[in-house]
Amino acid sequence: SDPIIFGHVVRAFLPKTFARYGETLAAAGLSPNDGLGTILN
């Protein structure tokens, strides 16, 4: 449960980013569940 909840927190903090680039990040395997650090890396 908690990694999924964590992913929702990352999304909630960055709503514009995920609205515009969410599909791009998902296609690259960059999930908010893994944390902002994984996405940035």
PDB file of all heavy atoms in Angstrom:
ATOM      1  N   SER A   1       0.804  -1.225   0.000  1.00  0.00           N
ATOM      2  CA  SER A   1       0.000   0.000   0.000  1.00  0.00           C
ATOM      3  C   SER A   1       0.836   1.273   0.000  1.00  0.00           C
ATOM      4  O   SER A   1       0.561   2.209  -0.774  1.00  0.00           O
ATOM      5  CB  SER A   1      -0.934   0.011   1.214  1.00  0.00           C
ATOM      6  OG  SER A   1      -0.189  -0.008   2.428  1.00  0.00           O
ATOM      7  N   ASP A   2       1.829   1.355   0.869  1.00  0.00           N
ATOM      8  CA  ASP A   2       2.474   2.649   1.108  1.00  0.00           C
ATOM      9  C   ASP A   2       3.302   3.180  -0.060  1.00  0.00           C
ATOM     10  O   ASP A   2       3.344   4.400  -0.269  1.00  0.00           O
ATOM     11  CB  ASP A   2       3.297   2.599   2.394  1.00  0.00           C
ATOM     12  CG  ASP A   2       2.398   2.750   3.622  1.00  0.00           C
ATOM     13  OD1 ASP A   2       1.179   2.504   3.490  1.00  0.00           O
ATOM     14  OD2 ASP A   2       2.883   3.094   4.704  1.00  0.00           O
ATOM     15  N   PRO A   3       3.980   2.342  -0.866  1.00  0.00           N
ATOM     16  CA  PRO A   3       4.618   2.921  -2.053  1.00  0.00           C
ATOM     17  C   PRO A   3       3.601   3.539  -3.015  1.00  0.00           C
ATOM     18  O   PRO A   3       3.889   4.553  -3.659  1.00  0.00           O
ATOM     19  CB  PRO A   3       5.322   1.709  -2.693  1.00  0.00           C
ATOM     20  CG  PRO A   3       5.594   0.795  -1.546  1.00  0.00           C
ATOM     21  CD  PRO A   3       4.390   0.932  -0.658  1.00  0.00           C
ATOM     22  N   ILE A   4       2.406   2.957  -3.087  1.00  0.00           N
ATOM     23  CA  ILE A   4       1.366   3.524  -3.953  1.00  0.00           C
ATOM     24  C   ILE A   4       0.890   4.855  -3.382  1.00  0.00           C
ATOM     25  O   ILE A   4       0.733   5.843  -4.114  1.00  0.00           O
ATOM     26  CB  ILE A   4       0.188   2.537  -4.089  1.00  0.00           C
ATOM     27  CG1 ILE A   4       0.653   1.268  -4.801  1.00  0.00           C
ATOM     28  CG2 ILE A   4      -0.971   3.184  -4.849  1.00  0.00           C
ATOM     29  CD1 ILE A   4      -0.388   0.163  -4.832  1.00  0.00           C
ATOM     30  N   ILE A   5       0.659   4.889  -2.063  1.00  0.00           N
ATOM     31  CA  ILE A   5       0.259   6.146  -1.423  1.00  0.00           C
ATOM     32  C   ILE A   5       1.349   7.198  -1.630  1.00  0.00           C
ATOM     33  O   ILE A   5       1.060   8.363  -1.926  1.00  0.00           O
ATOM     34  CB  ILE A   5      -0.015   5.927   0.071  1.00  0.00           C
ATOM     35  CG1 ILE A   5      -1.214   4.984   0.265  1.00  0.00           C
ATOM     36  CG2 ILE A   5      -0.268   7.247   0.780  1.00  0.00           C
ATOM     37  CD1 ILE A   5      -1.451   4.577   1.711  1.00  0.00           C
ATOM     38  N   PHE A   6       2.605   6.794  -1.474  1.00  0.00           N
ATOM     39  CA  PHE A   6       3.724   7.718  -1.681  1.00  0.00           C
ATOM     40  C   PHE A   6       3.686   8.292  -3.098  1.00  0.00           C
ATOM     41  O   PHE A   6       3.914   9.490  -3.304  1.00  0.00           O
ATOM     42  CB  PHE A   6       5.047   6.991  -1.434  1.00  0.00           C
ATOM     43  CG  PHE A   6       6.251   7.884  -1.403  1.00  0.00           C
ATOM     44  CD1 PHE A   6       6.651   8.511  -0.234  1.00  0.00           C
ATOM     45  CD2 PHE A   6       6.999   8.096  -2.554  1.00  0.00           C
ATOM     46  CE1 PHE A   6       7.765   9.342  -0.222  1.00  0.00           C
ATOM     47  CE2 PHE A   6       8.107   8.921  -2.552  1.00  0.00           C
ATOM     48  CZ  PHE A   6       8.496   9.542  -1.376  1.00  0.00           C
ATOM     49  N   GLY A   7       3.391   7.440  -4.070  1.00  0.00           N
ATOM     50  CA  GLY A   7       3.297   7.905  -5.449  1.00  0.00           C
ATOM     51  C   GLY A   7       2.213   8.960  -5.629  1.00  0.00           C
ATOM     52  O   GLY A   7       2.383   9.927  -6.382  1.00  0.00           O
ATOM     53  N   HIS A   8       1.094   8.780  -4.931  1.00  0.00           N
ATOM     54  CA  HIS A   8       0.028   9.780  -5.003  1.00  0.00           C
ATOM     55  C   HIS A   8       0.476  11.108  -4.395  1.00  0.00           C
ATOM     56  O   HIS A   8       0.072  12.181  -4.866  1.00  0.00           O
ATOM     57  CB  HIS A   8      -1.221   9.268  -4.285  1.00  0.00           C
ATOM     58  CG  HIS A   8      -2.012   8.282  -5.094  1.00  0.00           C
ATOM     59  ND1 HIS A   8      -2.701   8.621  -6.233  1.00  0.00           N
ATOM     60  CD2 HIS A   8      -2.213   6.951  -4.931  1.00  0.00           C
ATOM     61  CE1 HIS A   8      -3.297   7.561  -6.735  1.00  0.00           C
ATOM     62  NE2 HIS A   8      -3.013   6.537  -5.966  1.00  0.00           N
ATOM     63  N   VAL A   9       1.312  11.046  -3.354  1.00  0.00           N
ATOM     64  CA  VAL A   9       1.825  12.288  -2.753  1.00  0.00           C
ATOM     65  C   VAL A   9       2.725  13.019  -3.750  1.00  0.00           C
ATOM     66  O   VAL A   9       2.626  14.239  -3.927  1.00  0.00           O
ATOM     67  CB  VAL A   9       2.599  11.992  -1.454  1.00  0.00           C
ATOM     68  CG1 VAL A   9       3.109  13.297  -0.839  1.00  0.00           C
ATOM     69  CG2 VAL A   9       1.726  11.256  -0.444  1.00  0.00           C
ATOM     70  N   VAL A  10       3.600  12.278  -4.425  1.00  0.00           N
ATOM     71  CA  VAL A  10       4.478  12.896  -5.426  1.00  0.00           C
ATOM     72  C   VAL A  10       3.643  13.539  -6.527  1.00  0.00           C
ATOM     73  O   VAL A  10       3.899  14.676  -6.953  1.00  0.00           O
ATOM     74  CB  VAL A  10       5.449  11.851  -6.002  1.00  0.00           C
ATOM     75  CG1 VAL A  10       6.292  12.463  -7.131  1.00  0.00           C
ATOM     76  CG2 VAL A  10       6.372  11.297  -4.910  1.00  0.00           C
ATOM     77  N   ARG A  11       2.620  12.828  -6.990  1.00  0.00           N
ATOM     78  CA  ARG A  11       1.743  13.374  -8.031  1.00  0.00           C
ATOM     79  C   ARG A  11       1.021  14.635  -7.541  1.00  0.00           C
ATOM     80  O   ARG A  11       0.894  15.621  -8.276  1.00  0.00           O
ATOM     81  CB  ARG A  11       0.704  12.334  -8.445  1.00  0.00           C
ATOM     82  CG  ARG A  11       1.225  11.233  -9.344  1.00  0.00           C
ATOM     83  CD  ARG A  11       0.110  10.246  -9.678  1.00  0.00           C
ATOM     84  NE  ARG A  11       0.536   9.258 -10.640  1.00  0.00           N
ATOM     85  CZ  ARG A  11       0.496   9.407 -11.951  1.00  0.00           C
ATOM     86  NH1 ARG A  11       0.043  10.556 -12.464  1.00  0.00           N
ATOM     87  NH2 ARG A  11       0.897   8.462 -12.770  1.00  0.00           N
ATOM     88  N   ALA A  12       0.525  14.589  -6.289  1.00  0.00           N
ATOM     89  CA  ALA A  12      -0.219  15.732  -5.753  1.00  0.00           C
ATOM     90  C   ALA A  12       0.665  16.963  -5.642  1.00  0.00           C
ATOM     91  O   ALA A  12       0.184  18.093  -5.818  1.00  0.00           O
ATOM     92  CB  ALA A  12      -0.805  15.371  -4.386  1.00  0.00           C
ATOM     93  N   PHE A  13       1.946  16.761  -5.355  1.00  0.00           N
ATOM     94  CA  PHE A  13       2.858  17.899  -5.207  1.00  0.00           C
ATOM     95  C   PHE A  13       3.280  18.472  -6.555  1.00  0.00           C
ATOM     96  O   PHE A  13       3.670  19.639  -6.643  1.00  0.00           O
ATOM     97  CB  PHE A  13       4.098  17.478  -4.399  1.00  0.00           C
ATOM     98  CG  PHE A  13       4.707  18.592  -3.614  1.00  0.00           C
ATOM     99  CD1 PHE A  13       4.265  18.877  -2.330  1.00  0.00           C
ATOM    100  CD2 PHE A  13       5.704  19.382  -4.154  1.00  0.00           C
ATOM    101  CE1 PHE A  13       4.809  19.921  -1.595  1.00  0.00           C
ATOM    102  CE2 PHE A  13       6.268  20.426  -3.423  1.00  0.00           C
ATOM    103  CZ  PHE A  13       5.807  20.700  -2.150  1.00  0.00           C
ATOM    104  N   LEU A  14       3.182  17.654  -7.612  1.00  0.00           N
ATOM    105  CA  LEU A  14       3.630  18.073  -8.945  1.00  0.00           C
ATOM    106  C   LEU A  14       2.515  17.868  -9.969  1.00  0.00           C
ATOM    107  O   LEU A  14       2.696  17.187 -10.986  1.00  0.00           O
ATOM    108  CB  LEU A  14       4.882  17.281  -9.357  1.00  0.00           C
ATOM    109  CG  LEU A  14       6.074  17.327  -8.406  1.00  0.00           C
ATOM    110  CD1 LEU A  14       7.116  16.291  -8.807  1.00  0.00           C
ATOM    111  CD2 LEU A  14       6.690  18.722  -8.369  1.00  0.00           C
ATOM    112  N   PRO A  15       1.331  18.449  -9.752  1.00  0.00           N
ATOM    113  CA  PRO A  15       0.189  18.157 -10.627  1.00  0.00           C
ATOM    114  C   PRO A  15       0.396  18.592 -12.077  1.00  0.00           C
ATOM    115  O   PRO A  15       0.000  17.885 -13.011  1.00  0.00           O
ATOM    116  CB  PRO A  15      -0.968  18.919  -9.970  1.00  0.00           C
ATOM    117  CG  PRO A  15      -0.314  20.010  -9.187  1.00  0.00           C
ATOM    118  CD  PRO A  15       0.967  19.419  -8.691  1.00  0.00           C
ATOM    119  N   LYS A  16       1.011  19.757 -12.285  1.00  0.00           N
ATOM    120  CA  LYS A  16       1.208  20.242 -13.650  1.00  0.00           C
ATOM    121  C   LYS A  16       2.202  19.370 -14.409  1.00  0.00           C
ATOM    122  O   LYS A  16       2.016  19.077 -15.596  1.00  0.00           O
ATOM    123  CB  LYS A  16       1.704  21.696 -13.618  1.00  0.00           C
ATOM    124  CG  LYS A  16       0.714  22.677 -13.010  1.00  0.00           C
ATOM    125  CD  LYS A  16       1.321  24.067 -12.922  1.00  0.00           C
ATOM    126  CE  LYS A  16       0.388  25.037 -12.192  1.00  0.00           C
ATOM    127  NZ  LYS A  16       1.023  26.372 -12.019  1.00  0.00           N
ATOM    128  N   THR A  17       3.245  18.954 -13.719  1.00  0.00           N
ATOM    129  CA  THR A  17       4.258  18.108 -14.350  1.00  0.00           C
ATOM    130  C   THR A  17       3.654  16.790 -14.811  1.00  0.00           C
ATOM    131  O   THR A  17       3.883  16.343 -15.952  1.00  0.00           O
ATOM    132  CB  THR A  17       5.419  17.848 -13.374  1.00  0.00           C
ATOM    133  OG1 THR A  17       6.014  19.094 -12.999  1.00  0.00           O
ATOM    134  CG2 THR A  17       6.456  16.948 -14.004  1.00  0.00           C
ATOM    135  N   PHE A  18       2.854  16.168 -13.956  1.00  0.00           N
ATOM    136  CA  PHE A  18       2.281  14.870 -14.334  1.00  0.00           C
ATOM    137  C   PHE A  18       1.148  15.023 -15.336  1.00  0.00           C
ATOM    138  O   PHE A  18       0.912  14.107 -16.146  1.00  0.00           O
ATOM    139  CB  PHE A  18       1.840  14.111 -13.095  1.00  0.00           C
ATOM    140  CG  PHE A  18       2.959  13.403 -12.406  1.00  0.00           C
ATOM    141  CD1 PHE A  18       3.643  14.011 -11.363  1.00  0.00           C
ATOM    142  CD2 PHE A  18       3.374  12.154 -12.825  1.00  0.00           C
ATOM    143  CE1 PHE A  18       4.701  13.373 -10.740  1.00  0.00           C
ATOM    144  CE2 PHE A  18       4.433  11.506 -12.213  1.00  0.00           C
ATOM    145  CZ  PHE A  18       5.099  12.113 -11.168  1.00  0.00           C
ATOM    146  N   ALA A  19       0.456  16.151 -15.299  1.00  0.00           N
ATOM    147  CA  ALA A  19      -0.588  16.371 -16.304  1.00  0.00           C
ATOM    148  C   ALA A  19       0.030  16.486 -17.700  1.00  0.00           C
ATOM    149  O   ALA A  19      -0.536  15.989 -18.688  1.00  0.00           O
ATOM    150  CB  ALA A  19      -1.371  17.644 -15.978  1.00  0.00           C
ATOM    151  N   ARG A  20       1.187  17.109 -17.779  1.00  0.00           N
ATOM    152  CA  ARG A  20       1.815  17.336 -19.087  1.00  0.00           C
ATOM    153  C   ARG A  20       2.742  16.196 -19.508  1.00  0.00           C
ATOM    154  O   ARG A  20       2.783  15.814 -20.686  1.00  0.00           O
ATOM    155  CB  ARG A  20       2.601  18.640 -19.062  1.00  0.00           C
ATOM    156  CG  ARG A  20       3.216  19.002 -20.408  1.00  0.00           C
ATOM    157  CD  ARG A  20       3.784  20.408 -20.407  1.00  0.00           C
ATOM    158  NE  ARG A  20       4.317  20.765 -21.712  1.00  0.00           N
ATOM    159  CZ  ARG A  20       4.864  21.938 -22.000  1.00  0.00           C
ATOM    160  NH1 ARG A  20       4.932  22.885 -21.070  1.00  0.00           N
ATOM    161  NH2 ARG A  20       5.338  22.185 -23.212  1.00  0.00           N
ATOM    162  N   TYR A  21       3.479  15.639 -18.531  1.00  0.00           N
ATOM    163  CA  TYR A  21       4.519  14.673 -18.891  1.00  0.00           C
ATOM    164  C   TYR A  21       4.286  13.283 -18.291  1.00  0.00           C
ATOM    165  O   TYR A  21       5.164  12.416 -18.403  1.00  0.00           O
ATOM    166  CB  TYR A  21       5.893  15.179 -18.422  1.00  0.00           C
ATOM    167  CG  TYR A  21       6.299  16.494 -19.020  1.00  0.00           C
ATOM    168  CD1 TYR A  21       6.293  17.664 -18.255  1.00  0.00           C
ATOM    169  CD2 TYR A  21       6.703  16.583 -20.351  1.00  0.00           C
ATOM    170  CE1 TYR A  21       6.676  18.887 -18.798  1.00  0.00           C
ATOM    171  CE2 TYR A  21       7.092  17.803 -20.901  1.00  0.00           C
ATOM    172  CZ  TYR A  21       7.078  18.948 -20.117  1.00  0.00           C
ATOM    173  OH  TYR A  21       7.466  20.145 -20.666  1.00  0.00           O
ATOM    174  N   GLY A  22       3.143  13.055 -17.674  1.00  0.00           N
ATOM    175  CA  GLY A  22       2.907  11.778 -17.004  1.00  0.00           C
ATOM    176  C   GLY A  22       3.053  10.583 -17.916  1.00  0.00           C
ATOM    177  O   GLY A  22       3.661   9.557 -17.542  1.00  0.00           O
ATOM    178  N   GLU A  23       2.504  10.666 -19.130  1.00  0.00           N
ATOM    179  CA  GLU A  23       2.599   9.542 -20.063  1.00  0.00           C
ATOM    180  C   GLU A  23       4.037   9.303 -20.493  1.00  0.00           C
ATOM    181  O   GLU A  23       4.471   8.153 -20.658  1.00  0.00           O
ATOM    182  CB  GLU A  23       1.710   9.801 -21.273  1.00  0.00           C
ATOM    183  CG  GLU A  23       0.213   9.777 -20.956  1.00  0.00           C
ATOM    184  CD  GLU A  23      -0.641   9.961 -22.201  1.00  0.00           C
ATOM    185  OE1 GLU A  23      -0.056  10.047 -23.312  1.00  0.00           O
ATOM    186  OE2 GLU A  23      -1.880  10.019 -22.074  1.00  0.00           O
ATOM    187  N   THR A  24       4.778  10.378 -20.684  1.00  0.00           N
ATOM    188  CA  THR A  24       6.194  10.243 -21.062  1.00  0.00           C
ATOM    189  C   THR A  24       6.984   9.542 -19.965  1.00  0.00           C
ATOM    190  O   THR A  24       7.801   8.647 -20.239  1.00  0.00           O
ATOM    191  CB  THR A  24       6.806  11.633 -21.332  1.00  0.00           C
ATOM    192  OG1 THR A  24       6.090  12.267 -22.381  1.00  0.00           O
ATOM    193  CG2 THR A  24       8.280  11.517 -21.708  1.00  0.00           C
ATOM    194  N   LEU A  25       6.742   9.938 -18.716  1.00  0.00           N
ATOM    195  CA  LEU A  25       7.440   9.319 -17.589  1.00  0.00           C
ATOM    196  C   LEU A  25       7.052   7.850 -17.459  1.00  0.00           C
ATOM    197  O   LEU A  25       7.916   6.989 -17.231  1.00  0.00           O
ATOM    198  CB  LEU A  25       7.113  10.074 -16.297  1.00  0.00           C
ATOM    199  CG  LEU A  25       7.629  11.518 -16.214  1.00  0.00           C
ATOM    200  CD1 LEU A  25       7.074  12.203 -14.968  1.00  0.00           C
ATOM    201  CD2 LEU A  25       9.156  11.537 -16.193  1.00  0.00           C
ATOM    202  N   ALA A  26       5.764   7.561 -17.602  1.00  0.00           N
ATOM    203  CA  ALA A  26       5.311   6.169 -17.478  1.00  0.00           C
ATOM    204  C   ALA A  26       5.930   5.302 -18.569  1.00  0.00           C
ATOM    205  O   ALA A  26       6.352   4.163 -18.314  1.00  0.00           O
ATOM    206  CB  ALA A  26       3.789   6.115 -17.543  1.00  0.00           C
ATOM    207  N   ALA A  27       6.001   5.823 -19.795  1.00  0.00           N
ATOM    208  CA  ALA A  27       6.581   5.061 -20.904  1.00  0.00           C
ATOM    209  C   ALA A  27       8.053   4.760 -20.672  1.00  0.00           C
ATOM    210  O   ALA A  27       8.585   3.748 -21.146  1.00  0.00           O
ATOM    211  CB  ALA A  27       6.393   5.827 -22.212  1.00  0.00           C
ATOM    212  N   ALA A  28       8.711   5.648 -19.919  1.00  0.00           N
ATOM    213  CA  ALA A  28      10.144   5.457 -19.612  1.00  0.00           C
ATOM    214  C   ALA A  28      10.351   4.629 -18.352  1.00  0.00           C
ATOM    215  O   ALA A  28      11.498   4.420 -17.939  1.00  0.00           O
ATOM    216  CB  ALA A  28      10.826   6.816 -19.463  1.00  0.00           C
ATOM    217  N   GLY A  29       9.254   4.167 -17.749  1.00  0.00           N
ATOM    218  CA  GLY A  29       9.370   3.363 -16.530  1.00  0.00           C
ATOM    219  C   GLY A  29       9.708   4.171 -15.302  1.00  0.00           C
ATOM    220  O   GLY A  29      10.205   3.618 -14.313  1.00  0.00           O
ATOM    221  N   LEU A  30       9.440   5.482 -15.326  1.00  0.00           N
ATOM    222  CA  LEU A  30       9.737   6.352 -14.190  1.00  0.00           C
ATOM    223  C   LEU A  30       8.452   6.586 -13.403  1.00  0.00           C
ATOM    224  O   LEU A  30       7.621   7.416 -13.769  1.00  0.00           O
ATOM    225  CB  LEU A  30      10.337   7.674 -14.667  1.00  0.00           C
ATOM    226  CG  LEU A  30      11.649   7.548 -15.449  1.00  0.00           C
ATOM    227  CD1 LEU A  30      12.099   8.908 -15.977  1.00  0.00           C
ATOM    228  CD2 LEU A  30      12.732   6.914 -14.591  1.00  0.00           C
ATOM    229  N   SER A  31       8.292   5.832 -12.331  1.00  0.00           N
ATOM    230  CA  SER A  31       7.054   5.851 -11.556  1.00  0.00           C
ATOM    231  C   SER A  31       7.189   6.726 -10.323  1.00  0.00           C
ATOM    232  O   SER A  31       8.204   6.667  -9.613  1.00  0.00           O
ATOM    233  CB  SER A  31       6.683   4.426 -11.121  1.00  0.00           C
ATOM    234  OG  SER A  31       5.635   4.430 -10.177  1.00  0.00           O
ATOM    235  N   PRO A  32       6.146   7.523 -10.015  1.00  0.00           N
ATOM    236  CA  PRO A  32       6.188   8.303  -8.771  1.00  0.00           C
ATOM    237  C   PRO A  32       6.224   7.416  -7.531  1.00  0.00           C
ATOM    238  O   PRO A  32       6.670   7.859  -6.473  1.00  0.00           O
ATOM    239  CB  PRO A  32       4.900   9.139  -8.834  1.00  0.00           C
ATOM    240  CG  PRO A  32       3.994   8.386  -9.751  1.00  0.00           C
ATOM    241  CD  PRO A  32       4.896   7.749 -10.762  1.00  0.00           C
ATOM    242  N   ASN A  33       5.771   6.175  -7.656  1.00  0.00           N
ATOM    243  CA  ASN A  33       5.828   5.243  -6.519  1.00  0.00           C
ATOM    244  C   ASN A  33       7.263   5.018  -6.055  1.00  0.00           C
ATOM    245  O   ASN A  33       7.504   4.697  -4.890  1.00  0.00           O
ATOM    246  CB  ASN A  33       5.209   3.896  -6.893  1.00  0.00           C
ATOM    247  CG  ASN A  33       3.739   3.982  -7.217  1.00  0.00           C
ATOM    248  OD1 ASN A  33       3.188   5.074  -7.325  1.00  0.00           O
ATOM    249  ND2 ASN A  33       3.094   2.853  -7.367  1.00  0.00           N
ATOM    250  N   ASP A  34       8.217   5.147  -6.984  1.00  0.00           N
ATOM    251  CA  ASP A  34       9.627   4.943  -6.646  1.00  0.00           C
ATOM    252  C   ASP A  34      10.283   6.198  -6.101  1.00  0.00           C
ATOM    253  O   ASP A  34      11.445   6.163  -5.695  1.00  0.00           O
ATOM    254  CB  ASP A  34      10.404   4.459  -7.878  1.00  0.00           C
ATOM    255  CG  ASP A  34       9.944   3.089  -8.344  1.00  0.00           C
ATOM    256  OD1 ASP A  34       9.291   2.377  -7.558  1.00  0.00           O
ATOM    257  OD2 ASP A  34      10.221   2.737  -9.514  1.00  0.00           O
ATOM    258  N   GLY A  35       9.570   7.307  -6.120  1.00  0.00           N
ATOM    259  CA  GLY A  35      10.091   8.533  -5.536  1.00  0.00           C
ATOM    260  C   GLY A  35      10.601   9.523  -6.567  1.00  0.00           C
ATOM    261  O   GLY A  35      10.920   9.186  -7.709  1.00  0.00           O
ATOM    262  N   LEU A  36      10.672  10.777  -6.139  1.00  0.00           N
ATOM    263  CA  LEU A  36      11.122  11.858  -7.006  1.00  0.00           C
ATOM    264  C   LEU A  36      12.573  11.661  -7.434  1.00  0.00           C
ATOM    265  O   LEU A  36      12.960  12.023  -8.551  1.00  0.00           O
ATOM    266  CB  LEU A  36      10.963  13.188  -6.279  1.00  0.00           C
ATOM    267  CG  LEU A  36      11.354  14.460  -7.016  1.00  0.00           C
ATOM    268  CD1 LEU A  36      10.579  14.602  -8.320  1.00  0.00           C
ATOM    269  CD2 LEU A  36      11.131  15.683  -6.119  1.00  0.00           C
ATOM    270  N   GLY A  37      13.376  11.066  -6.561  1.00  0.00           N
ATOM    271  CA  GLY A  37      14.781  10.845  -6.893  1.00  0.00           C
ATOM    272  C   GLY A  37      14.957   9.966  -8.109  1.00  0.00           C
ATOM    273  O   GLY A  37      15.793  10.242  -8.994  1.00  0.00           O
ATOM    274  N   THR A  38      14.185   8.887  -8.201  1.00  0.00           N
ATOM    275  CA  THR A  38      14.262   7.985  -9.350  1.00  0.00           C
ATOM    276  C   THR A  38      13.870   8.702 -10.632  1.00  0.00           C
ATOM    277  O   THR A  38      14.495   8.519 -11.685  1.00  0.00           O
ATOM    278  CB  THR A  38      13.352   6.769  -9.126  1.00  0.00           C
ATOM    279  OG1 THR A  38      13.829   6.023  -8.005  1.00  0.00           O
ATOM    280  CG2 THR A  38      13.337   5.859 -10.344  1.00  0.00           C
ATOM    281  N   ILE A  39      12.826   9.528 -10.545  1.00  0.00           N
ATOM    282  CA  ILE A  39      12.389  10.280 -11.722  1.00  0.00           C
ATOM    283  C   ILE A  39      13.485  11.236 -12.190  1.00  0.00           C
ATOM    284  O   ILE A  39      13.842  11.272 -13.371  1.00  0.00           O
ATOM    285  CB  ILE A  39      11.085  11.050 -11.411  1.00  0.00           C
ATOM    286  CG1 ILE A  39       9.934  10.066 -11.213  1.00  0.00           C
ATOM    287  CG2 ILE A  39      10.762  12.047 -12.522  1.00  0.00           C
ATOM    288  CD1 ILE A  39       8.645  10.718 -10.756  1.00  0.00           C
ATOM    289  N   LEU A  40      14.033  12.001 -11.262  1.00  0.00           N
ATOM    290  CA  LEU A  40      15.061  12.971 -11.633  1.00  0.00           C
ATOM    291  C   LEU A  40      16.301  12.284 -12.202  1.00  0.00           C
ATOM    292  O   LEU A  40      16.907  12.777 -13.164  1.00  0.00           O
ATOM    293  CB  LEU A  40      15.439  13.818 -10.415  1.00  0.00           C
ATOM    294  CG  LEU A  40      14.338  14.740  -9.872  1.00  0.00           C
ATOM    295  CD1 LEU A  40      14.801  15.432  -8.602  1.00  0.00           C
ATOM    296  CD2 LEU A  40      13.926  15.771 -10.922  1.00  0.00           C
ATOM    297  N   ASN A  41      16.657  11.144 -11.618  1.00  0.00           N
ATOM    298  CA  ASN A  41      17.840  10.418 -12.109  1.00  0.00           C
ATOM    299  C   ASN A  41      17.634   9.868 -13.515  1.00  0.00           C
ATOM    300  O   ASN A  41      18.607   9.643 -14.249  1.00  0.00           O
ATOM    301  CB  ASN A  41      18.187   9.274 -11.159  1.00  0.00           C
ATOM    302  CG  ASN A  41      18.738   9.760  -9.838  1.00  0.00           C
ATOM    303  OD1 ASN A  41      19.261  10.864  -9.736  1.00  0.00           O
ATOM    304  ND2 ASN A  41      18.621   8.939  -8.802  1.00  0.00           N
TER     305      ASN A  41
END
